C-alpha atoms as a PDB file:
ATOM      1  CA  MET A   1       9.684 -15.831-104.506  1.00  0.00           C
ATOM      2  CA  LYS A   2      11.931 -16.703-107.454  1.00  0.00           C
ATOM      3  CA  ASP A   3      13.894 -19.928-107.540  1.00  0.00           C
ATOM      4  CA  THR A   4      16.109 -20.183-110.626  1.00  0.00           C
ATOM      5  CA  ASN A   5      18.488 -22.659-112.274  1.00  0.00           C
ATOM      6  CA  LYS A   6      21.310 -20.584-110.840  1.00  0.00           C
ATOM      7  CA  HIS A   7      19.948 -21.146-107.325  1.00  0.00           C
ATOM      8  CA  GLN A   8      19.655 -24.871-108.066  1.00  0.00           C
ATOM      9  CA  GLY A   9      23.293 -24.952-109.192  1.00  0.00           C
ATOM     10  CA  LEU A  10      24.363 -23.217-105.976  1.00  0.00           C
ATOM     11  CA  ARG A  11      22.367 -25.738-103.930  1.00  0.00           C
ATOM     12  CA  ASN A  12      24.049 -28.643-105.689  1.00  0.00           C
ATOM     13  CA  GLN A  13      27.422 -27.064-104.873  1.00  0.00           C
ATOM     14  CA  LEU A  14      26.400 -26.604-101.230  1.00  0.00           C
ATOM     15  CA  ALA A  15      25.394 -30.280-100.984  1.00  0.00           C
ATOM     16  CA  LYS A  16      28.820 -31.212-102.366  1.00  0.00           C
ATOM     17  CA  VAL A  17      30.563 -29.036 -99.743  1.00  0.00           C
ATOM     18  CA  LEU A  18      28.529 -30.710 -96.980  1.00  0.00           C
ATOM     19  CA  GLU A  19      29.381 -34.141 -98.327  1.00  0.00           C
ATOM     20  CA  GLU A  20      33.079 -33.226 -98.284  1.00  0.00           C
ATOM     21  CA  LYS A  21      32.652 -32.139 -94.645  1.00  0.00           C
ATOM     22  CA  GLY A  22      31.342 -35.599 -93.753  1.00  0.00           C
ATOM     23  CA  ILE A  23      27.560 -35.518 -94.269  1.00  0.00           C
ATOM     24  CA  ALA A  24      26.843 -38.990 -95.654  1.00  0.00           C
ATOM     25  CA  ASP A  25      23.037 -39.295 -95.276  1.00  0.00           C
ATOM     26  CA  LYS A  26      21.717 -39.156 -98.846  1.00  0.00           C
ATOM     27  CA  ASN A  27      18.253 -38.039 -97.696  1.00  0.00           C
ATOM     28  CA  VAL A  28      19.770 -35.044 -95.915  1.00  0.00           C
ATOM     29  CA  LEU A  29      21.811 -34.080 -98.984  1.00  0.00           C
ATOM     30  CA  GLU A  30      18.774 -34.455-101.273  1.00  0.00           C
ATOM     31  CA  ALA A  31      16.737 -32.183 -98.979  1.00  0.00           C
ATOM     32  CA  ILE A  32      19.529 -29.553 -99.041  1.00  0.00           C
ATOM     33  CA  LYS A  33      19.470 -29.707-102.866  1.00  0.00           C
ATOM     34  CA  LYS A  34      15.709 -29.171-102.959  1.00  0.00           C
ATOM     35  CA  ILE A  35      15.092 -26.367-100.461  1.00  0.00           C
ATOM     36  CA  PRO A  36      15.448 -22.743-101.648  1.00  0.00           C
ATOM     37  CA  ARG A  37      17.438 -21.455 -98.646  1.00  0.00           C
ATOM     38  CA  HIS A  38      17.614 -17.961-100.185  1.00  0.00           C
ATOM     39  CA  LEU A  39      13.849 -17.593 -99.622  1.00  0.00           C
ATOM     40  CA  PHE A  40      14.329 -18.105 -95.866  1.00  0.00           C
ATOM     41  CA  LEU A  41      16.714 -15.137 -95.636  1.00  0.00           C
ATOM     42  CA  ASN A  42      16.396 -11.394 -95.830  1.00  0.00           C
ATOM     43  CA  SER A  43      16.840 -10.544 -99.530  1.00  0.00           C
ATOM     44  CA  SER A  44      20.043  -8.593 -98.772  1.00  0.00           C
ATOM     45  CA  PHE A  45      21.699 -11.950 -97.953  1.00  0.00           C
ATOM     46  CA  GLU A  46      20.373 -13.679-101.076  1.00  0.00           C
ATOM     47  CA  ASP A  47      23.756 -13.754-102.820  1.00  0.00           C
ATOM     48  CA  PHE A  48      25.302 -15.552 -99.844  1.00  0.00           C
ATOM     49  CA  ALA A  49      22.441 -17.952 -99.110  1.00  0.00           C
ATOM     50  CA  TYR A  50      24.284 -21.031-100.366  1.00  0.00           C
ATOM     51  CA  GLN A  51      27.508 -20.427 -98.488  1.00  0.00           C
ATOM     52  CA  ASP A  52      27.979 -22.683 -95.492  1.00  0.00           C
ATOM     53  CA  LYS A  53      27.321 -19.840 -93.031  1.00  0.00           C
ATOM     54  CA  ALA A  54      24.773 -18.746 -90.435  1.00  0.00           C
ATOM     55  CA  PHE A  55      22.922 -15.435 -90.944  1.00  0.00           C
ATOM     56  CA  PRO A  56      20.754 -13.161 -88.780  1.00  0.00           C
ATOM     57  CA  ILE A  57      16.998 -13.499 -89.394  1.00  0.00           C
ATOM     58  CA  GLY A  58      15.559 -10.946 -86.941  1.00  0.00           C
ATOM     59  CA  ALA A  59      14.442 -11.139 -83.298  1.00  0.00           C
ATOM     60  CA  GLY A  60      18.110 -11.706 -82.368  1.00  0.00           C
ATOM     61  CA  GLN A  61      18.010 -15.156 -83.977  1.00  0.00           C
ATOM     62  CA  THR A  62      19.973 -16.783 -86.790  1.00  0.00           C
ATOM     63  CA  ILE A  63      19.374 -19.281 -89.567  1.00  0.00           C
ATOM     64  CA  SER A  64      21.842 -22.044 -88.704  1.00  0.00           C
ATOM     65  CA  GLN A  65      24.825 -22.877 -90.869  1.00  0.00           C
ATOM     66  CA  PRO A  66      23.755 -25.528 -93.449  1.00  0.00           C
ATOM     67  CA  TYR A  67      26.416 -27.906 -92.079  1.00  0.00           C
ATOM     68  CA  THR A  68      24.831 -27.682 -88.608  1.00  0.00           C
ATOM     69  CA  VAL A  69      21.332 -28.296 -90.011  1.00  0.00           C
ATOM     70  CA  ALA A  70      22.636 -31.267 -92.008  1.00  0.00           C
ATOM     71  CA  PHE A  71      24.646 -32.618 -89.058  1.00  0.00           C
ATOM     72  CA  GLN A  72      21.690 -32.515 -86.651  1.00  0.00           C
ATOM     73  CA  SER A  73      19.358 -33.987 -89.290  1.00  0.00           C
ATOM     74  CA  GLN A  74      21.816 -36.814 -89.953  1.00  0.00           C
ATOM     75  CA  LEU A  75      22.035 -37.662 -86.227  1.00  0.00           C
ATOM     76  CA  LEU A  76      18.247 -38.106 -86.133  1.00  0.00           C
ATOM     77  CA  GLU A  77      18.399 -40.883 -88.789  1.00  0.00           C
ATOM     78  CA  VAL A  78      15.016 -39.703 -90.104  1.00  0.00           C
ATOM     79  CA  LYS A  79      12.732 -42.330 -91.573  1.00  0.00           C
ATOM     80  CA  LYS A  80       9.612 -41.503 -93.569  1.00  0.00           C
ATOM     81  CA  GLY A  81       6.699 -40.807 -91.252  1.00  0.00           C
ATOM     82  CA  ASP A  82       8.864 -40.219 -88.146  1.00  0.00           C
ATOM     83  CA  LYS A  83       7.107 -37.955 -85.668  1.00  0.00           C
ATOM     84  CA  ILE A  84       9.623 -35.238 -84.837  1.00  0.00           C
ATOM     85  CA  LEU A  85       9.433 -32.378 -82.355  1.00  0.00           C
ATOM     86  CA  GLU A  86      11.524 -29.335 -83.287  1.00  0.00           C
ATOM     87  CA  ILE A  87      12.325 -26.749 -80.618  1.00  0.00           C
ATOM     88  CA  GLY A  88      13.043 -23.374 -82.238  1.00  0.00           C
ATOM     89  CA  THR A  89      11.309 -23.049 -85.608  1.00  0.00           C
ATOM     90  CA  GLY A  90      13.300 -19.913 -86.408  1.00  0.00           C
ATOM     91  CA  SER A  91      13.369 -19.226 -90.140  1.00  0.00           C
ATOM     92  CA  GLY A  92      11.755 -22.606 -90.829  1.00  0.00           C
ATOM     93  CA  TYR A  93      14.741 -23.918 -92.801  1.00  0.00           C
ATOM     94  CA  GLN A  94      15.401 -26.878 -90.502  1.00  0.00           C
ATOM     95  CA  THR A  95      11.643 -27.567 -90.465  1.00  0.00           C
ATOM     96  CA  ALA A  96      11.704 -27.645 -94.264  1.00  0.00           C
ATOM     97  CA  VAL A  97      14.628 -30.102 -94.303  1.00  0.00           C
ATOM     98  CA  LEU A  98      12.816 -32.508 -91.953  1.00  0.00           C
ATOM     99  CA  CYS A  99       9.516 -32.231 -93.870  1.00  0.00           C
ATOM    100  CA  THR A 100      11.339 -32.821 -97.168  1.00  0.00           C
ATOM    101  CA  MET A 101      12.910 -35.943 -95.640  1.00  0.00           C
ATOM    102  CA  GLY A 102       9.403 -37.277 -95.029  1.00  0.00           C
ATOM    103  CA  ALA A 103       9.050 -36.554 -91.300  1.00  0.00           C
ATOM    104  CA  THR A 104       5.832 -35.462 -89.603  1.00  0.00           C
ATOM    105  CA  VAL A 105       7.050 -32.301 -87.879  1.00  0.00           C
ATOM    106  CA  TYR A 106       5.710 -30.559 -84.770  1.00  0.00           C
ATOM    107  CA  THR A 107       7.579 -27.295 -84.206  1.00  0.00           C
ATOM    108  CA  ILE A 108       7.629 -24.575 -81.515  1.00  0.00           C
ATOM    109  CA  GLU A 109       8.921 -20.971 -81.742  1.00  0.00           C
ATOM    110  CA  ARG A 110       9.101 -18.570 -78.803  1.00  0.00           C
ATOM    111  CA  GLN A 111       9.680 -15.338 -80.789  1.00  0.00           C
ATOM    112  CA  ASN A 112       6.270 -14.096 -81.905  1.00  0.00           C
ATOM    113  CA  GLU A 113       7.653 -12.147 -84.867  1.00  0.00           C
ATOM    114  CA  LEU A 114       9.405 -15.255 -86.239  1.00  0.00           C
ATOM    115  CA  PHE A 115       6.445 -17.494 -85.454  1.00  0.00           C
ATOM    116  CA  LYS A 116       4.188 -15.241 -87.552  1.00  0.00           C
ATOM    117  CA  SER A 117       6.530 -14.796 -90.519  1.00  0.00           C
ATOM    118  CA  THR A 118       7.523 -18.472 -90.698  1.00  0.00           C
ATOM    119  CA  SER A 119       3.898 -19.653 -90.358  1.00  0.00           C
ATOM    120  CA  LEU A 120       3.140 -17.642 -93.516  1.00  0.00           C
ATOM    121  CA  LEU A 121       6.298 -18.570 -95.425  1.00  0.00           C
ATOM    122  CA  LEU A 122       6.258 -22.374 -95.104  1.00  0.00           C
ATOM    123  CA  PRO A 123       2.890 -23.021 -96.851  1.00  0.00           C
ATOM    124  CA  LYS A 124       3.942 -20.675 -99.688  1.00  0.00           C
ATOM    125  CA  LEU A 125       6.886 -23.011-100.292  1.00  0.00           C
ATOM    126  CA  GLY A 126       4.691 -26.115-100.075  1.00  0.00           C
ATOM    127  CA  ILE A 127       6.198 -27.096 -96.712  1.00  0.00           C
ATOM    128  CA  ARG A 128       3.542 -28.308 -94.298  1.00  0.00           C
ATOM    129  CA  PRO A 129       4.565 -29.195 -90.767  1.00  0.00           C
ATOM    130  CA  LYS A 130       1.857 -31.097 -88.898  1.00  0.00           C
ATOM    131  CA  HIS A 131       1.784 -28.466 -86.137  1.00  0.00           C
ATOM    132  CA  ILE A 132       3.486 -25.105 -85.665  1.00  0.00           C
ATOM    133  CA  SER A 133       3.019 -23.332 -82.360  1.00  0.00           C
ATOM    134  CA  PHE A 134       4.065 -20.243 -80.449  1.00  0.00           C
ATOM    135  CA  GLY A 135       5.349 -21.201 -77.015  1.00  0.00           C
ATOM    136  CA  ASP A 136       8.084 -22.229 -74.606  1.00  0.00           C
ATOM    137  CA  GLY A 137      10.363 -24.868 -76.125  1.00  0.00           C
ATOM    138  CA  TYR A 138      11.577 -25.984 -72.684  1.00  0.00           C
ATOM    139  CA  LYS A 139       8.133 -27.502 -72.066  1.00  0.00           C
ATOM    140  CA  GLY A 140       7.899 -29.308 -75.414  1.00  0.00           C
ATOM    141  CA  LEU A 141       4.440 -30.418 -76.584  1.00  0.00           C
ATOM    142  CA  PRO A 142       3.241 -32.965 -74.004  1.00  0.00           C
ATOM    143  CA  ASN A 143      -0.203 -33.230 -75.646  1.00  0.00           C
ATOM    144  CA  TYR A 144       1.377 -34.655 -78.812  1.00  0.00           C
ATOM    145  CA  ALA A 145       4.041 -36.853 -77.157  1.00  0.00           C
ATOM    146  CA  PRO A 146       5.693 -39.321 -77.458  1.00  0.00           C
ATOM    147  CA  PHE A 147       7.999 -38.389 -80.353  1.00  0.00           C
ATOM    148  CA  ASP A 148      10.323 -40.567 -82.436  1.00  0.00           C
ATOM    149  CA  SER A 149      12.906 -37.773 -82.249  1.00  0.00           C
ATOM    150  CA  ILE A 150      13.358 -34.329 -80.778  1.00  0.00           C
ATOM    151  CA  ILE A 151      15.697 -31.706 -82.245  1.00  0.00           C
ATOM    152  CA  VAL A 152      16.672 -28.525 -80.420  1.00  0.00           C
ATOM    153  CA  THR A 153      18.078 -25.712 -82.575  1.00  0.00           C
ATOM    154  CA  ALA A 154      19.293 -23.429 -79.770  1.00  0.00           C
ATOM    155  CA  GLY A 155      21.988 -23.858 -77.147  1.00  0.00           C
ATOM    156  CA  ALA A 156      20.696 -25.079 -73.772  1.00  0.00           C
ATOM    157  CA  PRO A 157      22.630 -24.917 -70.477  1.00  0.00           C
ATOM    158  CA  ILE A 158      21.026 -28.238 -69.487  1.00  0.00           C
ATOM    159  CA  ILE A 159      18.854 -30.828 -71.213  1.00  0.00           C
ATOM    160  CA  PRO A 160      15.252 -29.938 -70.318  1.00  0.00           C
ATOM    161  CA  LYS A 161      13.599 -32.817 -68.404  1.00  0.00           C
ATOM    162  CA  PRO A 162      10.190 -32.386 -70.119  1.00  0.00           C
ATOM    163  CA  LEU A 163      11.831 -33.049 -73.492  1.00  0.00           C
ATOM    164  CA  MET A 164      13.455 -36.243 -72.214  1.00  0.00           C
ATOM    165  CA  ALA A 165      10.051 -37.364 -70.923  1.00  0.00           C
ATOM    166  CA  GLN A 166       8.423 -36.766 -74.343  1.00  0.00           C
ATOM    167  CA  LEU A 167      10.808 -39.068 -76.201  1.00  0.00           C
ATOM    168  CA  LYS A 168       9.634 -42.567 -77.038  1.00  0.00           C
ATOM    169  CA  ILE A 169      11.761 -45.581 -76.090  1.00  0.00           C
ATOM    170  CA  GLY A 170      14.387 -45.978 -78.818  1.00  0.00           C
ATOM    171  CA  GLY A 171      13.958 -42.299 -79.735  1.00  0.00           C
ATOM    172  CA  ARG A 172      16.719 -39.725 -80.179  1.00  0.00           C
ATOM    173  CA  LEU A 173      17.059 -36.248 -78.685  1.00  0.00           C
ATOM    174  CA  VAL A 174      19.635 -34.040 -80.419  1.00  0.00           C
ATOM    175  CA  ILE A 175      20.525 -30.866 -78.530  1.00  0.00           C
ATOM    176  CA  PRO A 176      23.486 -28.448 -78.319  1.00  0.00           C
ATOM    177  CA  VAL A 177      24.408 -28.240 -74.607  1.00  0.00           C
ATOM    178  CA  GLY A 178      26.490 -25.492 -73.007  1.00  0.00           C
ATOM    179  CA  GLU A 179      26.558 -21.786 -72.140  1.00  0.00           C
ATOM    180  CA  ASN A 180      28.804 -19.973 -74.665  1.00  0.00           C
ATOM    181  CA  GLU A 181      30.102 -22.855 -76.744  1.00  0.00           C
ATOM    182  CA  GLN A 182      27.871 -25.882 -77.065  1.00  0.00           C
ATOM    183  CA  ILE A 183      28.622 -29.573 -77.413  1.00  0.00           C
ATOM    184  CA  MET A 184      26.285 -31.332 -79.810  1.00  0.00           C
ATOM    185  CA  THR A 185      24.702 -34.002 -77.654  1.00  0.00           C
ATOM    186  CA  MET A 186      22.484 -36.939 -78.524  1.00  0.00           C
ATOM    187  CA  LEU A 187      20.460 -38.940 -76.030  1.00  0.00           C
ATOM    188  CA  ILE A 188      18.963 -42.269 -77.062  1.00  0.00           C
ATOM    189  CA  ARG A 189      16.174 -43.432 -74.767  1.00  0.00           C
ATOM    190  CA  LYS A 190      16.846 -47.025 -73.717  1.00  0.00           C
ATOM    191  CA  ASN A 191      13.865 -47.548 -71.392  1.00  0.00           C
ATOM    192  CA  GLU A 192      11.623 -45.610 -69.002  1.00  0.00           C
ATOM    193  CA  THR A 193      14.539 -44.343 -66.909  1.00  0.00           C
ATOM    194  CA  GLN A 194      17.760 -44.802 -68.893  1.00  0.00           C
ATOM    195  CA  PHE A 195      19.311 -42.741 -71.669  1.00  0.00           C
ATOM    196  CA  GLU A 196      22.505 -43.395 -73.605  1.00  0.00           C
ATOM    197  CA  LYS A 197      24.539 -40.226 -74.198  1.00  0.00           C
ATOM    198  CA  HIS A 198      26.775 -39.387 -77.185  1.00  0.00           C
ATOM    199  CA  GLU A 199      28.748 -36.175 -77.749  1.00  0.00           C
ATOM    200  CA  PHE A 200      29.871 -34.765 -81.117  1.00  0.00           C
ATOM    201  CA  GLY A 201      32.182 -31.784 -80.665  1.00  0.00           C
ATOM    202  CA  ASP A 202      31.663 -28.019 -80.424  1.00  0.00           C
ATOM    203  CA  PHE A 203      29.028 -25.896 -82.150  1.00  0.00           C
ATOM    204  CA  LYS A 204      27.789 -22.347 -81.603  1.00  0.00           C
ATOM    205  CA  PHE A 205      24.066 -21.560 -81.243  1.00  0.00           C
ATOM    206  CA  VAL A 206      21.873 -18.733 -80.003  1.00  0.00           C
ATOM    207  CA  PRO A 207      20.643 -19.536 -76.469  1.00  0.00           C
ATOM    208  CA  LEU A 208      17.476 -21.524 -75.759  1.00  0.00           C
ATOM    209  CA  LEU A 209      15.490 -19.194 -73.510  1.00  0.00           C
ATOM    210  CA  GLU A 210      12.836 -20.313 -71.087  1.00  0.00           C
ATOM    211  CA  ASN A 211       9.344 -18.746 -71.279  1.00  0.00           C
ATOM    212  CA  LYS A 212       8.102 -17.213 -74.514  1.00  0.00           C
ATOM    213  CA  ASN A 213       8.482 -13.508 -75.199  1.00  0.00           C
END
């Protein structure tokens, strides 16, 4: 679990690349500079960990491209203490970014193998989400709702209704919507029944599957 000055230098460079690509939220960039992404990857990818690329992490899943993580995090406009639901814990890298930004994170993973490995990894890195669970992301976590924001890190053919219901008024839901290519979509809850929708171009994600494996 080594994190060296060289790694820190590479992180600083990565943050610069993201800034050049349009990430302006200073809290997001600071989190990217702090988190040892190489420790979230299989060691064979260590040399590439700070490139702006996605990599496989097992169970047919990927660790998202840093730009995507930063872009989704920026859309959430995270404030310290925000209660955020994350669908798709995966490697835990996005979880770490949100925790580092001061959010109180509740996260769900449907792949048991990833759930187990990430549950062990995060505390070792001093990252402590409020709640990490194994389950079906489509259903969210109704017992802990409402949430200030909800972030979905897998492509969904439609926006799951339970997630919309678990968002507080004024809250934001950020989700990639589509079958093969996804459009990054943000819903802002205006009142009990109305949501304002914004779309932000194409992204590519692994699919959000219903029911846990």
